[in-house]
Amino acid sequence: MKRRSVMMFAATIAVAVGGGGAASAGADDDQVTADEAIATFNEDMLGLGAVSNGPQDTTEATPEEIAAESPGLECLGDFGTGLDASGRLEGETARAFSDDFTLPAADEVPSTDPAYYPGGENISAGIITLGEEHQDTLDQIIGSAGSDEVAQCVEDAFQAFADAESANADTTGGSVPPSFEIDVTVNPDLGIGDASAQFTLGVTTTFQDVVYGYSASVYVARVDRSVAILNVNSESEDTSIIDPIEVLGALVESV
């Protein structure tokens, strides 16, 4: 994958790429507000002991590029990559995205073993503001993220992709290919802002009798003309030291 792991697709639940549109008279103020809110988020993450991996990739990508990397994109119909850091929504007046952070698991003790891979979570956030004439888009964002129908469609698409990966695995020497179990869950109301939702993609992989777990969640909340996005991706079963709902709430309050 050129831009991102395919299993990060859950963090791209979004709206159709629109080319930006014309900025409103308050665009400068909107951008200042978004930038300040994201700066505060970055500071908060560092204060929790998170490590910055640098800015998110904001290199603009075409819908075709994203579709080639993301199973289940067709489940969103006209929706696609607008909430991704590299996307665009029609009518934007502001866009700001945080660094990508790694937050170690609460009980993890780093190892000097060359094979050591840290657990914990990858966390990032974004804020996008639209002009008054594009407010229906924000409602559609929340509706898509909290939709059972979209969730089932994405789950089926990812399961088909995973099964194909397993079928094409190299079994030279009699090795057993990995098996995958996909589960997508949604919450259509987090009680944050004017409207909010959560979308979580869970992947369980079994390989040589060892079970690996991965989850990618996107939390979205609307406040007035803005949408706040929080992405949390985990490969660890350890208890997180953050509450995503509280983090999203704090982000909304700063907009």
Protein backbone atom coordinates (compact mmCIF):
# COMPACT_ATOMS: atom_id res chain seq x y z
CA MET A 1 0.00 0.00 0.00
CA LYS A 2 1.50 3.30 -1.09
CA ARG A 3 -0.24 5.61 1.38
CA ARG A 4 -1.57 3.57 4.27
CA SER A 5 -2.25 0.07 5.51
CA VAL A 6 -5.48 -1.30 4.10
CA MET A 7 -6.63 -2.06 7.64
CA MET A 8 -6.56 1.66 8.37
CA PHE A 9 -9.58 2.14 6.13
CA ALA A 10 -11.90 2.49 9.12
CA ALA A 11 -10.24 5.81 9.74
CA THR A 12 -11.34 7.13 6.36
CA ILE A 13 -15.12 6.98 6.78
CA ALA A 14 -15.90 10.24 5.13
CA VAL A 15 -17.53 12.29 2.44
CA ALA A 16 -17.00 12.59 -1.30
CA VAL A 17 -13.96 14.47 -2.48
CA GLY A 18 -15.27 17.78 -3.76
CA GLY A 19 -12.34 19.94 -4.82
CA GLY A 20 -12.60 22.42 -1.97
CA GLY A 21 -15.18 24.90 -3.18
CA ALA A 22 -15.10 28.63 -2.49
CA ALA A 23 -14.08 29.83 0.95
CA SER A 24 -16.53 31.95 2.93
CA ALA A 25 -15.78 35.38 4.34
CA GLY A 26 -14.96 33.81 7.72
CA ALA A 27 -12.51 31.27 6.32
CA ASP A 28 -9.47 32.91 7.91
CA ASP A 29 -11.08 32.83 11.35
CA ASP A 30 -12.19 29.23 10.80
CA GLN A 31 -8.64 28.19 9.94
CA VAL A 32 -7.19 29.91 12.98
CA THR A 33 -9.71 28.13 15.23
CA ALA A 34 -8.99 24.73 13.66
CA ASP A 35 -5.22 25.23 13.86
CA GLU A 36 -5.38 26.24 17.52
CA ALA A 37 -7.60 23.28 18.44
CA ILE A 38 -5.22 20.83 16.75
CA ALA A 39 -2.20 22.46 18.39
CA THR A 40 -3.87 21.91 21.76
CA PHE A 41 -4.55 18.26 20.85
CA ASN A 42 -0.89 17.75 19.93
CA GLU A 43 0.20 19.24 23.26
CA ASP A 44 -2.26 17.06 25.18
CA MET A 45 -0.99 13.89 23.49
CA LEU A 46 2.63 14.75 24.26
CA GLY A 47 1.60 15.45 27.85
CA LEU A 48 0.21 11.91 28.10
CA GLY A 49 3.56 10.47 27.03
CA ALA A 50 2.67 9.85 23.40
CA VAL A 51 5.43 9.89 20.80
CA SER A 52 4.90 11.92 17.62
CA ASN A 53 5.57 10.07 14.37
CA GLY A 54 5.35 13.35 12.49
CA PRO A 55 2.50 15.01 10.59
CA GLN A 56 -0.13 12.93 8.86
CA ASP A 57 0.26 12.52 5.11
CA THR A 58 -1.65 15.43 3.58
CA THR A 59 -0.48 14.80 0.02
CA GLU A 60 -3.68 15.11 -1.96
CA ALA A 61 -4.80 11.78 -3.38
CA THR A 62 -7.30 11.04 -6.14
CA PRO A 63 -10.45 9.00 -5.47
CA GLU A 64 -9.01 6.29 -7.72
CA GLU A 65 -5.84 6.04 -5.61
CA ILE A 66 -7.81 5.73 -2.40
CA ALA A 67 -10.25 3.21 -3.90
CA ALA A 68 -7.35 1.00 -4.99
CA GLU A 69 -6.16 0.83 -1.37
CA SER A 70 -9.47 0.55 0.49
CA PRO A 71 -11.78 -2.47 0.42
CA GLY A 72 -15.36 -1.47 1.09
CA LEU A 73 -15.10 2.04 -0.28
CA GLU A 74 -18.02 1.28 -2.56
CA CYS A 75 -20.18 0.74 0.54
CA LEU A 76 -20.19 4.49 1.06
CA GLY A 77 -21.70 5.28 -2.32
CA ASP A 78 -20.86 8.91 -3.01
CA PHE A 79 -18.83 9.06 0.20
CA GLY A 80 -15.12 8.39 0.17
CA THR A 81 -12.10 10.13 1.53
CA GLY A 82 -13.08 13.64 2.56
CA LEU A 83 -12.15 13.16 6.20
CA ASP A 84 -8.79 11.66 5.42
CA ALA A 85 -5.91 14.09 5.91
CA SER A 86 -5.27 13.99 2.14
CA GLY A 87 -8.91 14.50 1.12
CA ARG A 88 -11.11 17.48 0.37
CA LEU A 89 -14.75 18.35 0.94
CA GLU A 90 -16.74 20.75 -1.15
CA GLY A 91 -17.25 24.05 0.64
CA GLU A 92 -14.36 23.77 3.09
CA THR A 93 -13.40 26.91 4.98
CA ALA A 94 -10.82 25.22 7.23
CA ARG A 95 -8.87 21.95 7.53
CA ALA A 96 -6.33 21.00 10.19
CA PHE A 97 -4.86 17.61 11.14
CA SER A 98 -2.71 16.57 14.07
CA ASP A 99 0.51 14.63 14.12
CA ASP A 100 0.23 10.85 14.12
CA PHE A 101 1.01 9.68 17.67
CA THR A 102 1.97 6.37 19.24
CA LEU A 103 0.76 5.97 22.81
CA PRO A 104 2.41 3.02 24.61
CA ALA A 105 0.18 0.51 26.35
CA ALA A 106 -0.40 1.32 30.01
CA ASP A 107 1.48 -1.73 31.34
CA GLU A 108 4.07 -2.12 28.60
CA VAL A 109 7.76 -2.45 29.43
CA PRO A 110 9.91 -1.77 26.32
CA SER A 111 12.35 -4.52 25.37
CA THR A 112 15.80 -4.39 23.79
CA ASP A 113 15.01 -7.57 21.85
CA PRO A 114 15.45 -6.82 18.11
CA ALA A 115 12.15 -8.59 17.49
CA TYR A 116 10.31 -6.34 19.95
CA TYR A 117 7.35 -4.44 18.50
CA PRO A 118 5.63 -1.91 20.76
CA GLY A 119 1.97 -2.36 21.56
CA GLY A 120 -0.36 0.45 22.45
CA GLU A 121 -2.22 2.71 20.08
CA ASN A 122 -1.80 5.07 17.18
CA ILE A 123 -3.87 8.20 17.66
CA SER A 124 -4.56 11.16 15.40
CA ALA A 125 -7.18 13.85 15.01
CA GLY A 126 -8.55 16.38 12.57
CA ILE A 127 -11.00 19.24 12.24
CA ILE A 128 -12.81 20.29 9.09
CA THR A 129 -15.14 23.29 8.81
CA LEU A 130 -17.62 23.88 6.00
CA GLY A 131 -19.54 26.93 4.83
CA GLU A 132 -23.18 27.45 5.73
CA GLU A 133 -24.42 26.17 2.37
CA HIS A 134 -22.82 22.74 2.92
CA GLN A 135 -24.22 21.78 6.31
CA ASP A 136 -26.09 18.74 4.99
CA THR A 137 -22.69 17.18 4.36
CA LEU A 138 -21.93 17.16 8.08
CA ASP A 139 -25.16 15.28 8.84
CA GLN A 140 -24.26 12.75 6.16
CA ILE A 141 -20.83 12.22 7.74
CA ILE A 142 -22.33 11.31 11.09
CA GLY A 143 -25.02 9.18 9.46
CA SER A 144 -22.47 7.13 7.52
CA ALA A 145 -20.18 6.56 10.51
CA GLY A 146 -23.09 5.28 12.62
CA SER A 147 -24.90 3.25 9.97
CA ASP A 148 -25.49 -0.49 10.54
CA GLU A 149 -25.98 -0.95 6.79
CA VAL A 150 -22.63 0.66 5.98
CA ALA A 151 -20.97 -1.38 8.74
CA GLN A 152 -22.25 -4.69 7.35
CA CYS A 153 -21.21 -3.77 3.82
CA VAL A 154 -17.69 -2.82 4.93
CA GLU A 155 -17.42 -5.98 7.05
CA ASP A 156 -18.36 -8.15 4.07
CA ALA A 157 -15.92 -6.33 1.79
CA PHE A 158 -13.04 -6.69 4.24
CA GLN A 159 -13.83 -10.35 4.87
CA ALA A 160 -13.74 -11.02 1.12
CA PHE A 161 -10.42 -9.17 0.86
CA ALA A 162 -8.96 -11.06 3.82
CA ASP A 163 -10.13 -14.42 2.49
CA ALA A 164 -8.47 -13.65 -0.84
CA GLU A 165 -5.24 -12.73 0.95
CA SER A 166 -5.36 -16.05 2.80
CA ALA A 167 -6.06 -18.01 -0.38
CA ASN A 168 -3.10 -16.37 -2.11
CA ALA A 169 -0.68 -16.89 0.78
CA ASP A 170 2.56 -18.74 0.14
CA THR A 171 2.19 -22.31 1.44
CA THR A 172 5.59 -23.48 0.27
CA GLY A 173 6.90 -26.10 2.66
CA GLY A 174 3.47 -26.97 3.96
CA SER A 175 2.89 -23.79 6.00
CA VAL A 176 -0.70 -23.02 6.90
CA PRO A 177 -2.05 -19.71 5.55
CA PRO A 178 -3.41 -17.21 8.06
CA SER A 179 -7.13 -16.94 8.69
CA PHE A 180 -8.97 -13.69 9.32
CA GLU A 181 -12.16 -12.76 11.14
CA ILE A 182 -13.61 -9.32 10.48
CA ASP A 183 -16.09 -7.52 12.73
CA VAL A 184 -17.43 -3.99 12.25
CA THR A 185 -19.45 -2.23 14.94
CA VAL A 186 -20.99 1.22 15.12
CA ASN A 187 -22.41 3.57 17.72
CA PRO A 188 -24.74 6.19 16.19
CA ASP A 189 -24.76 8.54 19.18
CA LEU A 190 -21.87 9.26 21.55
CA GLY A 191 -23.61 12.19 23.20
CA ILE A 192 -20.98 14.69 22.05
CA GLY A 193 -21.58 17.98 20.25
CA ASP A 194 -24.61 18.41 18.01
CA ALA A 195 -24.30 14.85 16.68
CA SER A 196 -21.68 12.10 16.90
CA ALA A 197 -20.90 8.50 16.00
CA GLN A 198 -18.26 5.77 16.23
CA PHE A 199 -17.14 3.22 13.62
CA THR A 200 -14.81 0.35 14.60
CA LEU A 201 -13.19 -2.26 12.38
CA GLY A 202 -11.88 -5.26 14.29
CA VAL A 203 -9.55 -7.84 12.72
CA THR A 204 -8.56 -11.13 14.35
CA THR A 205 -5.79 -13.05 12.59
CA THR A 206 -4.79 -16.62 13.41
CA PHE A 207 -1.40 -17.73 12.10
CA GLN A 208 0.45 -20.86 13.19
CA ASP A 209 -1.91 -21.19 16.16
CA VAL A 210 -1.11 -17.67 17.36
CA VAL A 211 -3.96 -15.16 17.51
CA TYR A 212 -3.34 -11.48 16.73
CA GLY A 213 -5.85 -8.69 17.27
CA TYR A 214 -6.16 -5.30 15.59
CA SER A 215 -8.80 -2.60 15.73
CA ALA A 216 -9.26 0.72 13.97
CA SER A 217 -11.84 3.16 15.27
CA VAL A 218 -13.00 6.53 14.02
CA TYR A 219 -14.94 8.83 16.33
CA VAL A 220 -16.67 11.80 14.72
CA ALA A 221 -18.66 14.67 16.21
CA ARG A 222 -20.33 17.69 14.70
CA VAL A 223 -20.36 21.09 16.39
CA ASP A 224 -22.01 23.90 14.44
CA ARG A 225 -20.22 24.05 11.04
CA SER A 226 -17.31 21.79 11.99
CA VAL A 227 -16.65 18.10 12.32
CA ALA A 228 -14.01 16.75 14.71
CA ILE A 229 -12.39 13.40 13.90
CA LEU A 230 -10.45 11.12 16.25
CA ASN A 231 -8.71 7.99 14.92
CA VAL A 232 -7.56 5.29 17.34
CA ASN A 233 -5.81 2.18 15.98
CA SER A 234 -4.63 -0.55 18.33
CA GLU A 235 -2.65 -3.78 18.13
CA SER A 236 -2.63 -4.29 21.87
CA GLU A 237 -5.20 -5.79 24.24
CA ASP A 238 -3.81 -3.79 27.15
CA THR A 239 -6.06 -1.18 28.74
CA SER A 240 -5.68 2.22 27.14
CA ILE A 241 -4.64 5.18 29.24
CA ILE A 242 -6.99 7.44 27.31
CA ASP A 243 -10.77 7.58 27.02
CA PRO A 244 -11.53 8.33 23.35
CA ILE A 245 -14.89 9.83 24.23
CA GLU A 246 -13.27 12.30 26.61
CA VAL A 247 -10.54 13.13 24.09
CA LEU A 248 -13.12 13.74 21.33
CA GLY A 249 -15.20 15.84 23.74
CA ALA A 250 -12.19 18.01 24.57
CA LEU A 251 -11.47 18.45 20.86
CA VAL A 252 -15.06 19.53 20.22
CA GLU A 253 -14.95 22.03 23.07
CA SER A 254 -11.85 23.66 21.58
CA VAL A 255 -13.50 24.31 18.20
